[in-house]
PDB file of all heavy atoms in Angstrom:
ATOM      1  N   ALA A   1     223.089  86.770-117.698  1.00  0.00           N
ATOM      2  CA  ALA A   1     221.786  87.433-117.701  1.00  0.00           C
ATOM      3  C   ALA A   1     221.991  88.873-118.055  1.00  0.00           C
ATOM      4  O   ALA A   1     223.042  89.469-117.761  1.00  0.00           O
ATOM      5  CB  ALA A   1     221.160  87.297-116.323  1.00  0.00           C
ATOM      6  N   PRO A   2     221.006  89.527-118.682  1.00  0.00           N
ATOM      7  CA  PRO A   2     221.139  90.931-118.988  1.00  0.00           C
ATOM      8  C   PRO A   2     221.268  91.774-117.743  1.00  0.00           C
ATOM      9  O   PRO A   2     220.723  91.392-116.674  1.00  0.00           O
ATOM     10  CB  PRO A   2     219.870  91.277-119.768  1.00  0.00           C
ATOM     11  CG  PRO A   2     218.911  90.169-119.508  1.00  0.00           C
ATOM     12  CD  PRO A   2     219.727  88.970-119.104  1.00  0.00           C
ATOM     13  N   ALA A   3     222.007  92.842-117.801  1.00  0.00           N
ATOM     14  CA  ALA A   3     222.205  93.670-116.641  1.00  0.00           C
ATOM     15  C   ALA A   3     220.932  94.393-116.277  1.00  0.00           C
ATOM     16  O   ALA A   3     220.142  94.782-117.107  1.00  0.00           O
ATOM     17  CB  ALA A   3     223.285  94.730-116.969  1.00  0.00           C
ATOM     18  N   LEU A   4     220.708  94.490-114.995  1.00  0.00           N
ATOM     19  CA  LEU A   4     219.574  95.292-114.457  1.00  0.00           C
ATOM     20  C   LEU A   4     220.036  96.782-114.381  1.00  0.00           C
ATOM     21  O   LEU A   4     221.167  97.057-114.291  1.00  0.00           O
ATOM     22  CB  LEU A   4     219.223  94.779-113.098  1.00  0.00           C
ATOM     23  CG  LEU A   4     218.853  93.331-112.935  1.00  0.00           C
ATOM     24  CD1 LEU A   4     218.779  92.924-111.529  1.00  0.00           C
ATOM     25  CD2 LEU A   4     217.545  93.044-113.647  1.00  0.00           C
ATOM     26  N   THR A   5     219.047  97.699-114.398  1.00  0.00           N
ATOM     27  CA  THR A   5     219.422  99.110-114.335  1.00  0.00           C
ATOM     28  C   THR A   5     218.580  99.734-113.230  1.00  0.00           C
ATOM     29  O   THR A   5     217.349  99.607-113.224  1.00  0.00           O
ATOM     30  CB  THR A   5     219.192  99.845-115.642  1.00  0.00           C
ATOM     31  OG1 THR A   5     219.966  99.227-116.683  1.00  0.00           O
ATOM     32  CG2 THR A   5     219.593 101.282-115.523  1.00  0.00           C
ATOM     33  N   ALA A   6     219.220 100.410-112.301  1.00  0.00           N
ATOM     34  CA  ALA A   6     218.521 101.151-111.237  1.00  0.00           C
ATOM     35  C   ALA A   6     218.706 102.658-111.455  1.00  0.00           C
ATOM     36  O   ALA A   6     219.781 103.112-111.755  1.00  0.00           O
ATOM     37  CB  ALA A   6     219.066 100.786-109.869  1.00  0.00           C
ATOM     38  N   ARG A   7     217.587 103.369-111.361  1.00  0.00           N
ATOM     39  CA  ARG A   7     217.615 104.800-111.644  1.00  0.00           C
ATOM     40  C   ARG A   7     217.174 105.642-110.439  1.00  0.00           C
ATOM     41  O   ARG A   7     217.248 106.885-110.476  1.00  0.00           O
ATOM     42  CB  ARG A   7     216.830 105.171-112.821  1.00  0.00           C
ATOM     43  CG  ARG A   7     217.331 104.542-114.106  1.00  0.00           C
ATOM     44  CD  ARG A   7     216.772 105.205-115.330  1.00  0.00           C
ATOM     45  NE  ARG A   7     217.198 104.553-116.530  1.00  0.00           N
ATOM     46  CZ  ARG A   7     218.325 104.747-117.167  1.00  0.00           C
ATOM     47  NH1 ARG A   7     219.182 105.632-116.728  1.00  0.00           N
ATOM     48  NH2 ARG A   7     218.647 104.144-118.290  1.00  0.00           N
ATOM     49  N   HIS A   8     216.676 105.031-109.390  1.00  0.00           N
ATOM     50  CA  HIS A   8     216.192 105.762-108.211  1.00  0.00           C
ATOM     51  C   HIS A   8     216.692 105.082-106.966  1.00  0.00           C
ATOM     52  O   HIS A   8     216.973 103.884-106.932  1.00  0.00           O
ATOM     53  CB  HIS A   8     214.666 105.791-108.200  1.00  0.00           C
ATOM     54  CG  HIS A   8     214.082 106.394-109.431  1.00  0.00           C
ATOM     55  ND1 HIS A   8     214.065 107.727-109.691  1.00  0.00           N
ATOM     56  CD2 HIS A   8     213.456 105.811-110.498  1.00  0.00           C
ATOM     57  CE1 HIS A   8     213.467 107.977-110.816  1.00  0.00           C
ATOM     58  NE2 HIS A   8     213.103 106.789-111.341  1.00  0.00           N
ATOM     59  N   TYR A   9     216.745 105.852-105.879  1.00  0.00           N
ATOM     60  CA  TYR A   9     217.194 105.332-104.623  1.00  0.00           C
ATOM     61  C   TYR A   9     216.223 105.848-103.516  1.00  0.00           C
ATOM     62  O   TYR A   9     215.866 107.021-103.502  1.00  0.00           O
ATOM     63  CB  TYR A   9     218.618 105.764-104.287  1.00  0.00           C
ATOM     64  CG  TYR A   9     219.035 105.476-102.872  1.00  0.00           C
ATOM     65  CD1 TYR A   9     219.245 104.162-102.472  1.00  0.00           C
ATOM     66  CD2 TYR A   9     219.184 106.448-101.940  1.00  0.00           C
ATOM     67  CE1 TYR A   9     219.596 103.846-101.171  1.00  0.00           C
ATOM     68  CE2 TYR A   9     219.509 106.167-100.643  1.00  0.00           C
ATOM     69  CZ  TYR A   9     219.706 104.879-100.250  1.00  0.00           C
ATOM     70  OH  TYR A   9     220.050 104.588 -98.980  1.00  0.00           O
ATOM     71  N   HIS A  10     215.876 104.987-102.595  1.00  0.00           N
ATOM     72  CA  HIS A  10     215.071 105.372-101.445  1.00  0.00           C
ATOM     73  C   HIS A  10     215.867 104.985-100.191  1.00  0.00           C
ATOM     74  O   HIS A  10     216.421 103.909-100.107  1.00  0.00           O
ATOM     75  CB  HIS A  10     213.711 104.669-101.425  1.00  0.00           C
ATOM     76  CG  HIS A  10     212.856 105.053-102.587  1.00  0.00           C
ATOM     77  ND1 HIS A  10     212.189 106.230-102.668  1.00  0.00           N
ATOM     78  CD2 HIS A  10     212.571 104.336-103.731  1.00  0.00           C
ATOM     79  CE1 HIS A  10     211.495 106.281-103.775  1.00  0.00           C
ATOM     80  NE2 HIS A  10     211.726 105.176-104.461  1.00  0.00           N
ATOM     81  N   ASP A  11     215.964 105.925 -99.247  1.00  0.00           N
ATOM     82  CA  ASP A  11     216.747 105.666 -98.058  1.00  0.00           C
ATOM     83  C   ASP A  11     215.957 104.910 -96.967  1.00  0.00           C
ATOM     84  O   ASP A  11     216.346 104.918 -95.794  1.00  0.00           O
ATOM     85  CB  ASP A  11     217.383 106.945 -97.499  1.00  0.00           C
ATOM     86  CG  ASP A  11     216.363 107.977 -97.054  1.00  0.00           C
ATOM     87  OD1 ASP A  11     215.137 107.703 -97.176  1.00  0.00           O
ATOM     88  OD2 ASP A  11     216.740 109.053 -96.616  1.00  0.00           O
ATOM     89  N   HIS A  12     214.841 104.353 -97.303  1.00  0.00           N
ATOM     90  CA  HIS A  12     214.097 103.548 -96.319  1.00  0.00           C
ATOM     91  C   HIS A  12     213.577 102.331 -97.004  1.00  0.00           C
ATOM     92  O   HIS A  12     213.320 102.306 -98.207  1.00  0.00           O
ATOM     93  CB  HIS A  12     212.932 104.353 -95.745  1.00  0.00           C
ATOM     94  CG  HIS A  12     212.015 104.890 -96.798  1.00  0.00           C
ATOM     95  ND1 HIS A  12     211.003 104.158 -97.364  1.00  0.00           N
ATOM     96  CD2 HIS A  12     211.973 106.108 -97.459  1.00  0.00           C
ATOM     97  CE1 HIS A  12     210.344 104.899 -98.267  1.00  0.00           C
ATOM     98  NE2 HIS A  12     210.932 106.082 -98.333  1.00  0.00           N
ATOM     99  N   PRO A  13     213.517 101.203 -96.280  1.00  0.00           N
ATOM    100  CA  PRO A  13     213.046  99.964 -96.930  1.00  0.00           C
ATOM    101  C   PRO A  13     211.528 100.043 -97.212  1.00  0.00           C
ATOM    102  O   PRO A  13     210.826 100.681 -96.516  1.00  0.00           O
ATOM    103  CB  PRO A  13     213.338  98.901 -95.843  1.00  0.00           C
ATOM    104  CG  PRO A  13     213.441  99.626 -94.579  1.00  0.00           C
ATOM    105  CD  PRO A  13     213.902 101.021 -94.904  1.00  0.00           C
ATOM    106  N   HIS A  14     211.154  99.394 -98.253  1.00  0.00           N
ATOM    107  CA  HIS A  14     209.782  99.321 -98.662  1.00  0.00           C
ATOM    108  C   HIS A  14     209.213  97.936 -98.261  1.00  0.00           C
ATOM    109  O   HIS A  14     209.947  97.048 -97.902  1.00  0.00           O
ATOM    110  CB  HIS A  14     209.625  99.472-100.189  1.00  0.00           C
ATOM    111  CG  HIS A  14     209.863 100.859-100.606  1.00  0.00           C
ATOM    112  ND1 HIS A  14     209.208 101.465-101.646  1.00  0.00           N
ATOM    113  CD2 HIS A  14     210.674 101.850-100.113  1.00  0.00           C
ATOM    114  CE1 HIS A  14     209.598 102.700-101.778  1.00  0.00           C
ATOM    115  NE2 HIS A  14     210.490 102.950-100.869  1.00  0.00           N
ATOM    116  N   LYS A  15     207.899  97.787 -98.361  1.00  0.00           N
ATOM    117  CA  LYS A  15     207.264  96.526 -97.983  1.00  0.00           C
ATOM    118  C   LYS A  15     207.518  95.392 -98.931  1.00  0.00           C
ATOM    119  O   LYS A  15     207.672  94.276 -98.474  1.00  0.00           O
ATOM    120  CB  LYS A  15     205.701  96.741 -97.884  1.00  0.00           C
ATOM    121  CG  LYS A  15     205.350  97.736 -96.790  1.00  0.00           C
ATOM    122  CD  LYS A  15     205.491  97.170 -95.456  1.00  0.00           C
ATOM    123  CE  LYS A  15     204.989  98.175 -94.415  1.00  0.00           C
ATOM    124  NZ  LYS A  15     205.531  97.951 -93.111  1.00  0.00           N
ATOM    125  N   PRO A  16     207.612  95.628-100.258  1.00  0.00           N
ATOM    126  CA  PRO A  16     207.808  94.455-101.172  1.00  0.00           C
ATOM    127  C   PRO A  16     209.115  93.753-100.887  1.00  0.00           C
ATOM    128  O   PRO A  16     210.091  94.380-100.488  1.00  0.00           O
ATOM    129  CB  PRO A  16     207.842  95.070-102.561  1.00  0.00           C
ATOM    130  CG  PRO A  16     207.306  96.486-102.418  1.00  0.00           C
ATOM    131  CD  PRO A  16     207.514  96.823-101.012  1.00  0.00           C
ATOM    132  N   GLU A  17     209.111  92.455-101.100  1.00  0.00           N
ATOM    133  CA  GLU A  17     210.342  91.661-100.980  1.00  0.00           C
ATOM    134  C   GLU A  17     211.300  92.115-102.062  1.00  0.00           C
ATOM    135  O   GLU A  17     210.936  92.188-103.246  1.00  0.00           O
ATOM    136  CB  GLU A  17     210.022  90.200-101.072  1.00  0.00           C
ATOM    137  CG  GLU A  17     211.174  89.257-100.811  1.00  0.00           C
ATOM    138  CD  GLU A  17     211.669  89.399 -99.361  1.00  0.00           C
ATOM    139  OE1 GLU A  17     210.863  89.658 -98.436  1.00  0.00           O
ATOM    140  OE2 GLU A  17     212.904  89.135 -99.128  1.00  0.00           O
ATOM    141  N   PRO A  18     212.559  92.401-101.753  1.00  0.00           N
ATOM    142  CA  PRO A  18     213.484  92.862-102.753  1.00  0.00           C
ATOM    143  C   PRO A  18     213.742  91.705-103.799  1.00  0.00           C
ATOM    144  O   PRO A  18     213.716  90.532-103.419  1.00  0.00           O
ATOM    145  CB  PRO A  18     214.766  93.230-101.995  1.00  0.00           C
ATOM    146  CG  PRO A  18     214.653  92.493-100.750  1.00  0.00           C
ATOM    147  CD  PRO A  18     213.199  92.360-100.449  1.00  0.00           C
ATOM    148  N   VAL A  19     214.043  92.075-105.029  1.00  0.00           N
ATOM    149  CA  VAL A  19     214.358  91.090-106.040  1.00  0.00           C
ATOM    150  C   VAL A  19     215.832  90.697-105.985  1.00  0.00           C
ATOM    151  O   VAL A  19     216.269  89.820-106.728  1.00  0.00           O
ATOM    152  CB  VAL A  19     213.935  91.536-107.443  1.00  0.00           C
ATOM    153  CG1 VAL A  19     212.445  91.688-107.517  1.00  0.00           C
ATOM    154  CG2 VAL A  19     214.642  92.797-107.881  1.00  0.00           C
ATOM    155  N   GLY A  20     216.576  91.451-105.209  1.00  0.00           N
ATOM    156  CA  GLY A  20     218.032  91.173-105.055  1.00  0.00           C
ATOM    157  C   GLY A  20     218.644  91.998-103.925  1.00  0.00           C
ATOM    158  O   GLY A  20     217.962  92.860-103.382  1.00  0.00           O
ATOM    159  N   LYS A  21     219.896  91.679-103.655  1.00  0.00           N
ATOM    160  CA  LYS A  21     220.592  92.407-102.605  1.00  0.00           C
ATOM    161  C   LYS A  21     222.028  92.641-103.058  1.00  0.00           C
ATOM    162  O   LYS A  21     222.552  91.881-103.847  1.00  0.00           O
ATOM    163  CB  LYS A  21     220.621  91.589-101.309  1.00  0.00           C
ATOM    164  CG  LYS A  21     219.320  91.261-100.710  1.00  0.00           C
ATOM    165  CD  LYS A  21     219.440  90.356 -99.502  1.00  0.00           C
ATOM    166  CE  LYS A  21     218.029  89.932 -99.008  1.00  0.00           C
ATOM    167  NZ  LYS A  21     218.088  88.934 -97.956  1.00  0.00           N
ATOM    168  N   VAL A  22     222.608  93.768-102.580  1.00  0.00           N
ATOM    169  CA  VAL A  22     223.988  94.068-102.850  1.00  0.00           C
ATOM    170  C   VAL A  22     224.660  94.508-101.544  1.00  0.00           C
ATOM    171  O   VAL A  22     224.080  95.294-100.804  1.00  0.00           O
ATOM    172  CB  VAL A  22     224.138  95.122-103.954  1.00  0.00           C
ATOM    173  CG1 VAL A  22     223.530  96.444-103.567  1.00  0.00           C
ATOM    174  CG2 VAL A  22     225.593  95.316-104.341  1.00  0.00           C
ATOM    175  N   GLN A  23     225.815  93.940-101.250  1.00  0.00           N
ATOM    176  CA  GLN A  23     226.572  94.280-100.078  1.00  0.00           C
ATOM    177  C   GLN A  23     227.686  95.223-100.516  1.00  0.00           C
ATOM    178  O   GLN A  23     228.494  94.877-101.379  1.00  0.00           O
ATOM    179  CB  GLN A  23     227.148  93.067 -99.394  1.00  0.00           C
ATOM    180  CG  GLN A  23     226.061  92.131 -98.855  1.00  0.00           C
ATOM    181  CD  GLN A  23     226.618  90.983 -98.088  1.00  0.00           C
ATOM    182  OE1 GLN A  23     227.571  91.149 -97.267  1.00  0.00           O
ATOM    183  NE2 GLN A  23     226.065  89.840 -98.248  1.00  0.00           N
ATOM    184  N   LEU A  24     227.772  96.395 -99.888  1.00  0.00           N
ATOM    185  CA  LEU A  24     228.764  97.393-100.209  1.00  0.00           C
ATOM    186  C   LEU A  24     229.421  97.935 -98.942  1.00  0.00           C
ATOM    187  O   LEU A  24     228.706  98.236 -97.948  1.00  0.00           O
ATOM    188  CB  LEU A  24     228.138  98.564-101.005  1.00  0.00           C
ATOM    189  CG  LEU A  24     227.418  98.195-102.284  1.00  0.00           C
ATOM    190  CD1 LEU A  24     226.597  99.377-102.799  1.00  0.00           C
ATOM    191  CD2 LEU A  24     228.411  97.765-103.307  1.00  0.00           C
ATOM    192  N   ASP A  25     230.755  98.190 -98.999  1.00  0.00           N
ATOM    193  CA  ASP A  25     231.409  98.790 -97.876  1.00  0.00           C
ATOM    194  C   ASP A  25     230.996 100.328 -97.864  1.00  0.00           C
ATOM    195  O   ASP A  25     230.360 100.784 -98.774  1.00  0.00           O
ATOM    196  CB  ASP A  25     232.883  98.552 -97.836  1.00  0.00           C
ATOM    197  CG  ASP A  25     233.628  99.207 -99.010  1.00  0.00           C
ATOM    198  OD1 ASP A  25     233.089 100.098 -99.672  1.00  0.00           O
ATOM    199  OD2 ASP A  25     234.757  98.784 -99.256  1.00  0.00           O
ATOM    200  N   TYR A  26     231.475 101.002 -96.852  1.00  0.00           N
ATOM    201  CA  TYR A  26     231.097 102.440 -96.701  1.00  0.00           C
ATOM    202  C   TYR A  26     231.448 103.240 -97.902  1.00  0.00           C
ATOM    203  O   TYR A  26     230.594 103.985 -98.420  1.00  0.00           O
ATOM    204  CB  TYR A  26     231.824 102.925 -95.446  1.00  0.00           C
ATOM    205  CG  TYR A  26     231.633 104.413 -95.211  1.00  0.00           C
ATOM    206  CD1 TYR A  26     230.416 104.930 -94.820  1.00  0.00           C
ATOM    207  CD2 TYR A  26     232.706 105.301 -95.387  1.00  0.00           C
ATOM    208  CE1 TYR A  26     230.219 106.271 -94.550  1.00  0.00           C
ATOM    209  CE2 TYR A  26     232.518 106.683 -95.146  1.00  0.00           C
ATOM    210  CZ  TYR A  26     231.319 107.133 -94.746  1.00  0.00           C
ATOM    211  OH  TYR A  26     231.143 108.483 -94.561  1.00  0.00           O
ATOM    212  N   GLU A  27     232.702 103.152 -98.408  1.00  0.00           N
ATOM    213  CA  GLU A  27     233.099 103.945 -99.560  1.00  0.00           C
ATOM    214  C   GLU A  27     232.352 103.602-100.816  1.00  0.00           C
ATOM    215  O   GLU A  27     231.961 104.502-101.623  1.00  0.00           O
ATOM    216  CB  GLU A  27     234.609 103.836 -99.798  1.00  0.00           C
ATOM    217  CG  GLU A  27     235.452 104.384 -98.687  1.00  0.00           C
ATOM    218  CD  GLU A  27     235.225 105.898 -98.397  1.00  0.00           C
ATOM    219  OE1 GLU A  27     234.941 106.634 -99.350  1.00  0.00           O
ATOM    220  OE2 GLU A  27     235.326 106.287 -97.212  1.00  0.00           O
ATOM    221  N   SER A  28     232.019 102.328-100.980  1.00  0.00           N
ATOM    222  CA  SER A  28     231.267 101.884-102.187  1.00  0.00           C
ATOM    223  C   SER A  28     229.821 102.312-102.154  1.00  0.00           C
ATOM    224  O   SER A  28     229.166 102.259-103.232  1.00  0.00           O
ATOM    225  CB  SER A  28     231.374 100.383-102.343  1.00  0.00           C
ATOM    226  OG  SER A  28     232.705  99.980-102.504  1.00  0.00           O
TER     227      SER A  28
END
């Protein structure tokens, strides 16, 4: 599938259901 691109970050969850999830350790 074509790569998705994220350009913004919010430090709080929003109401919409996310379209995906990513698990990252502290350094990542």
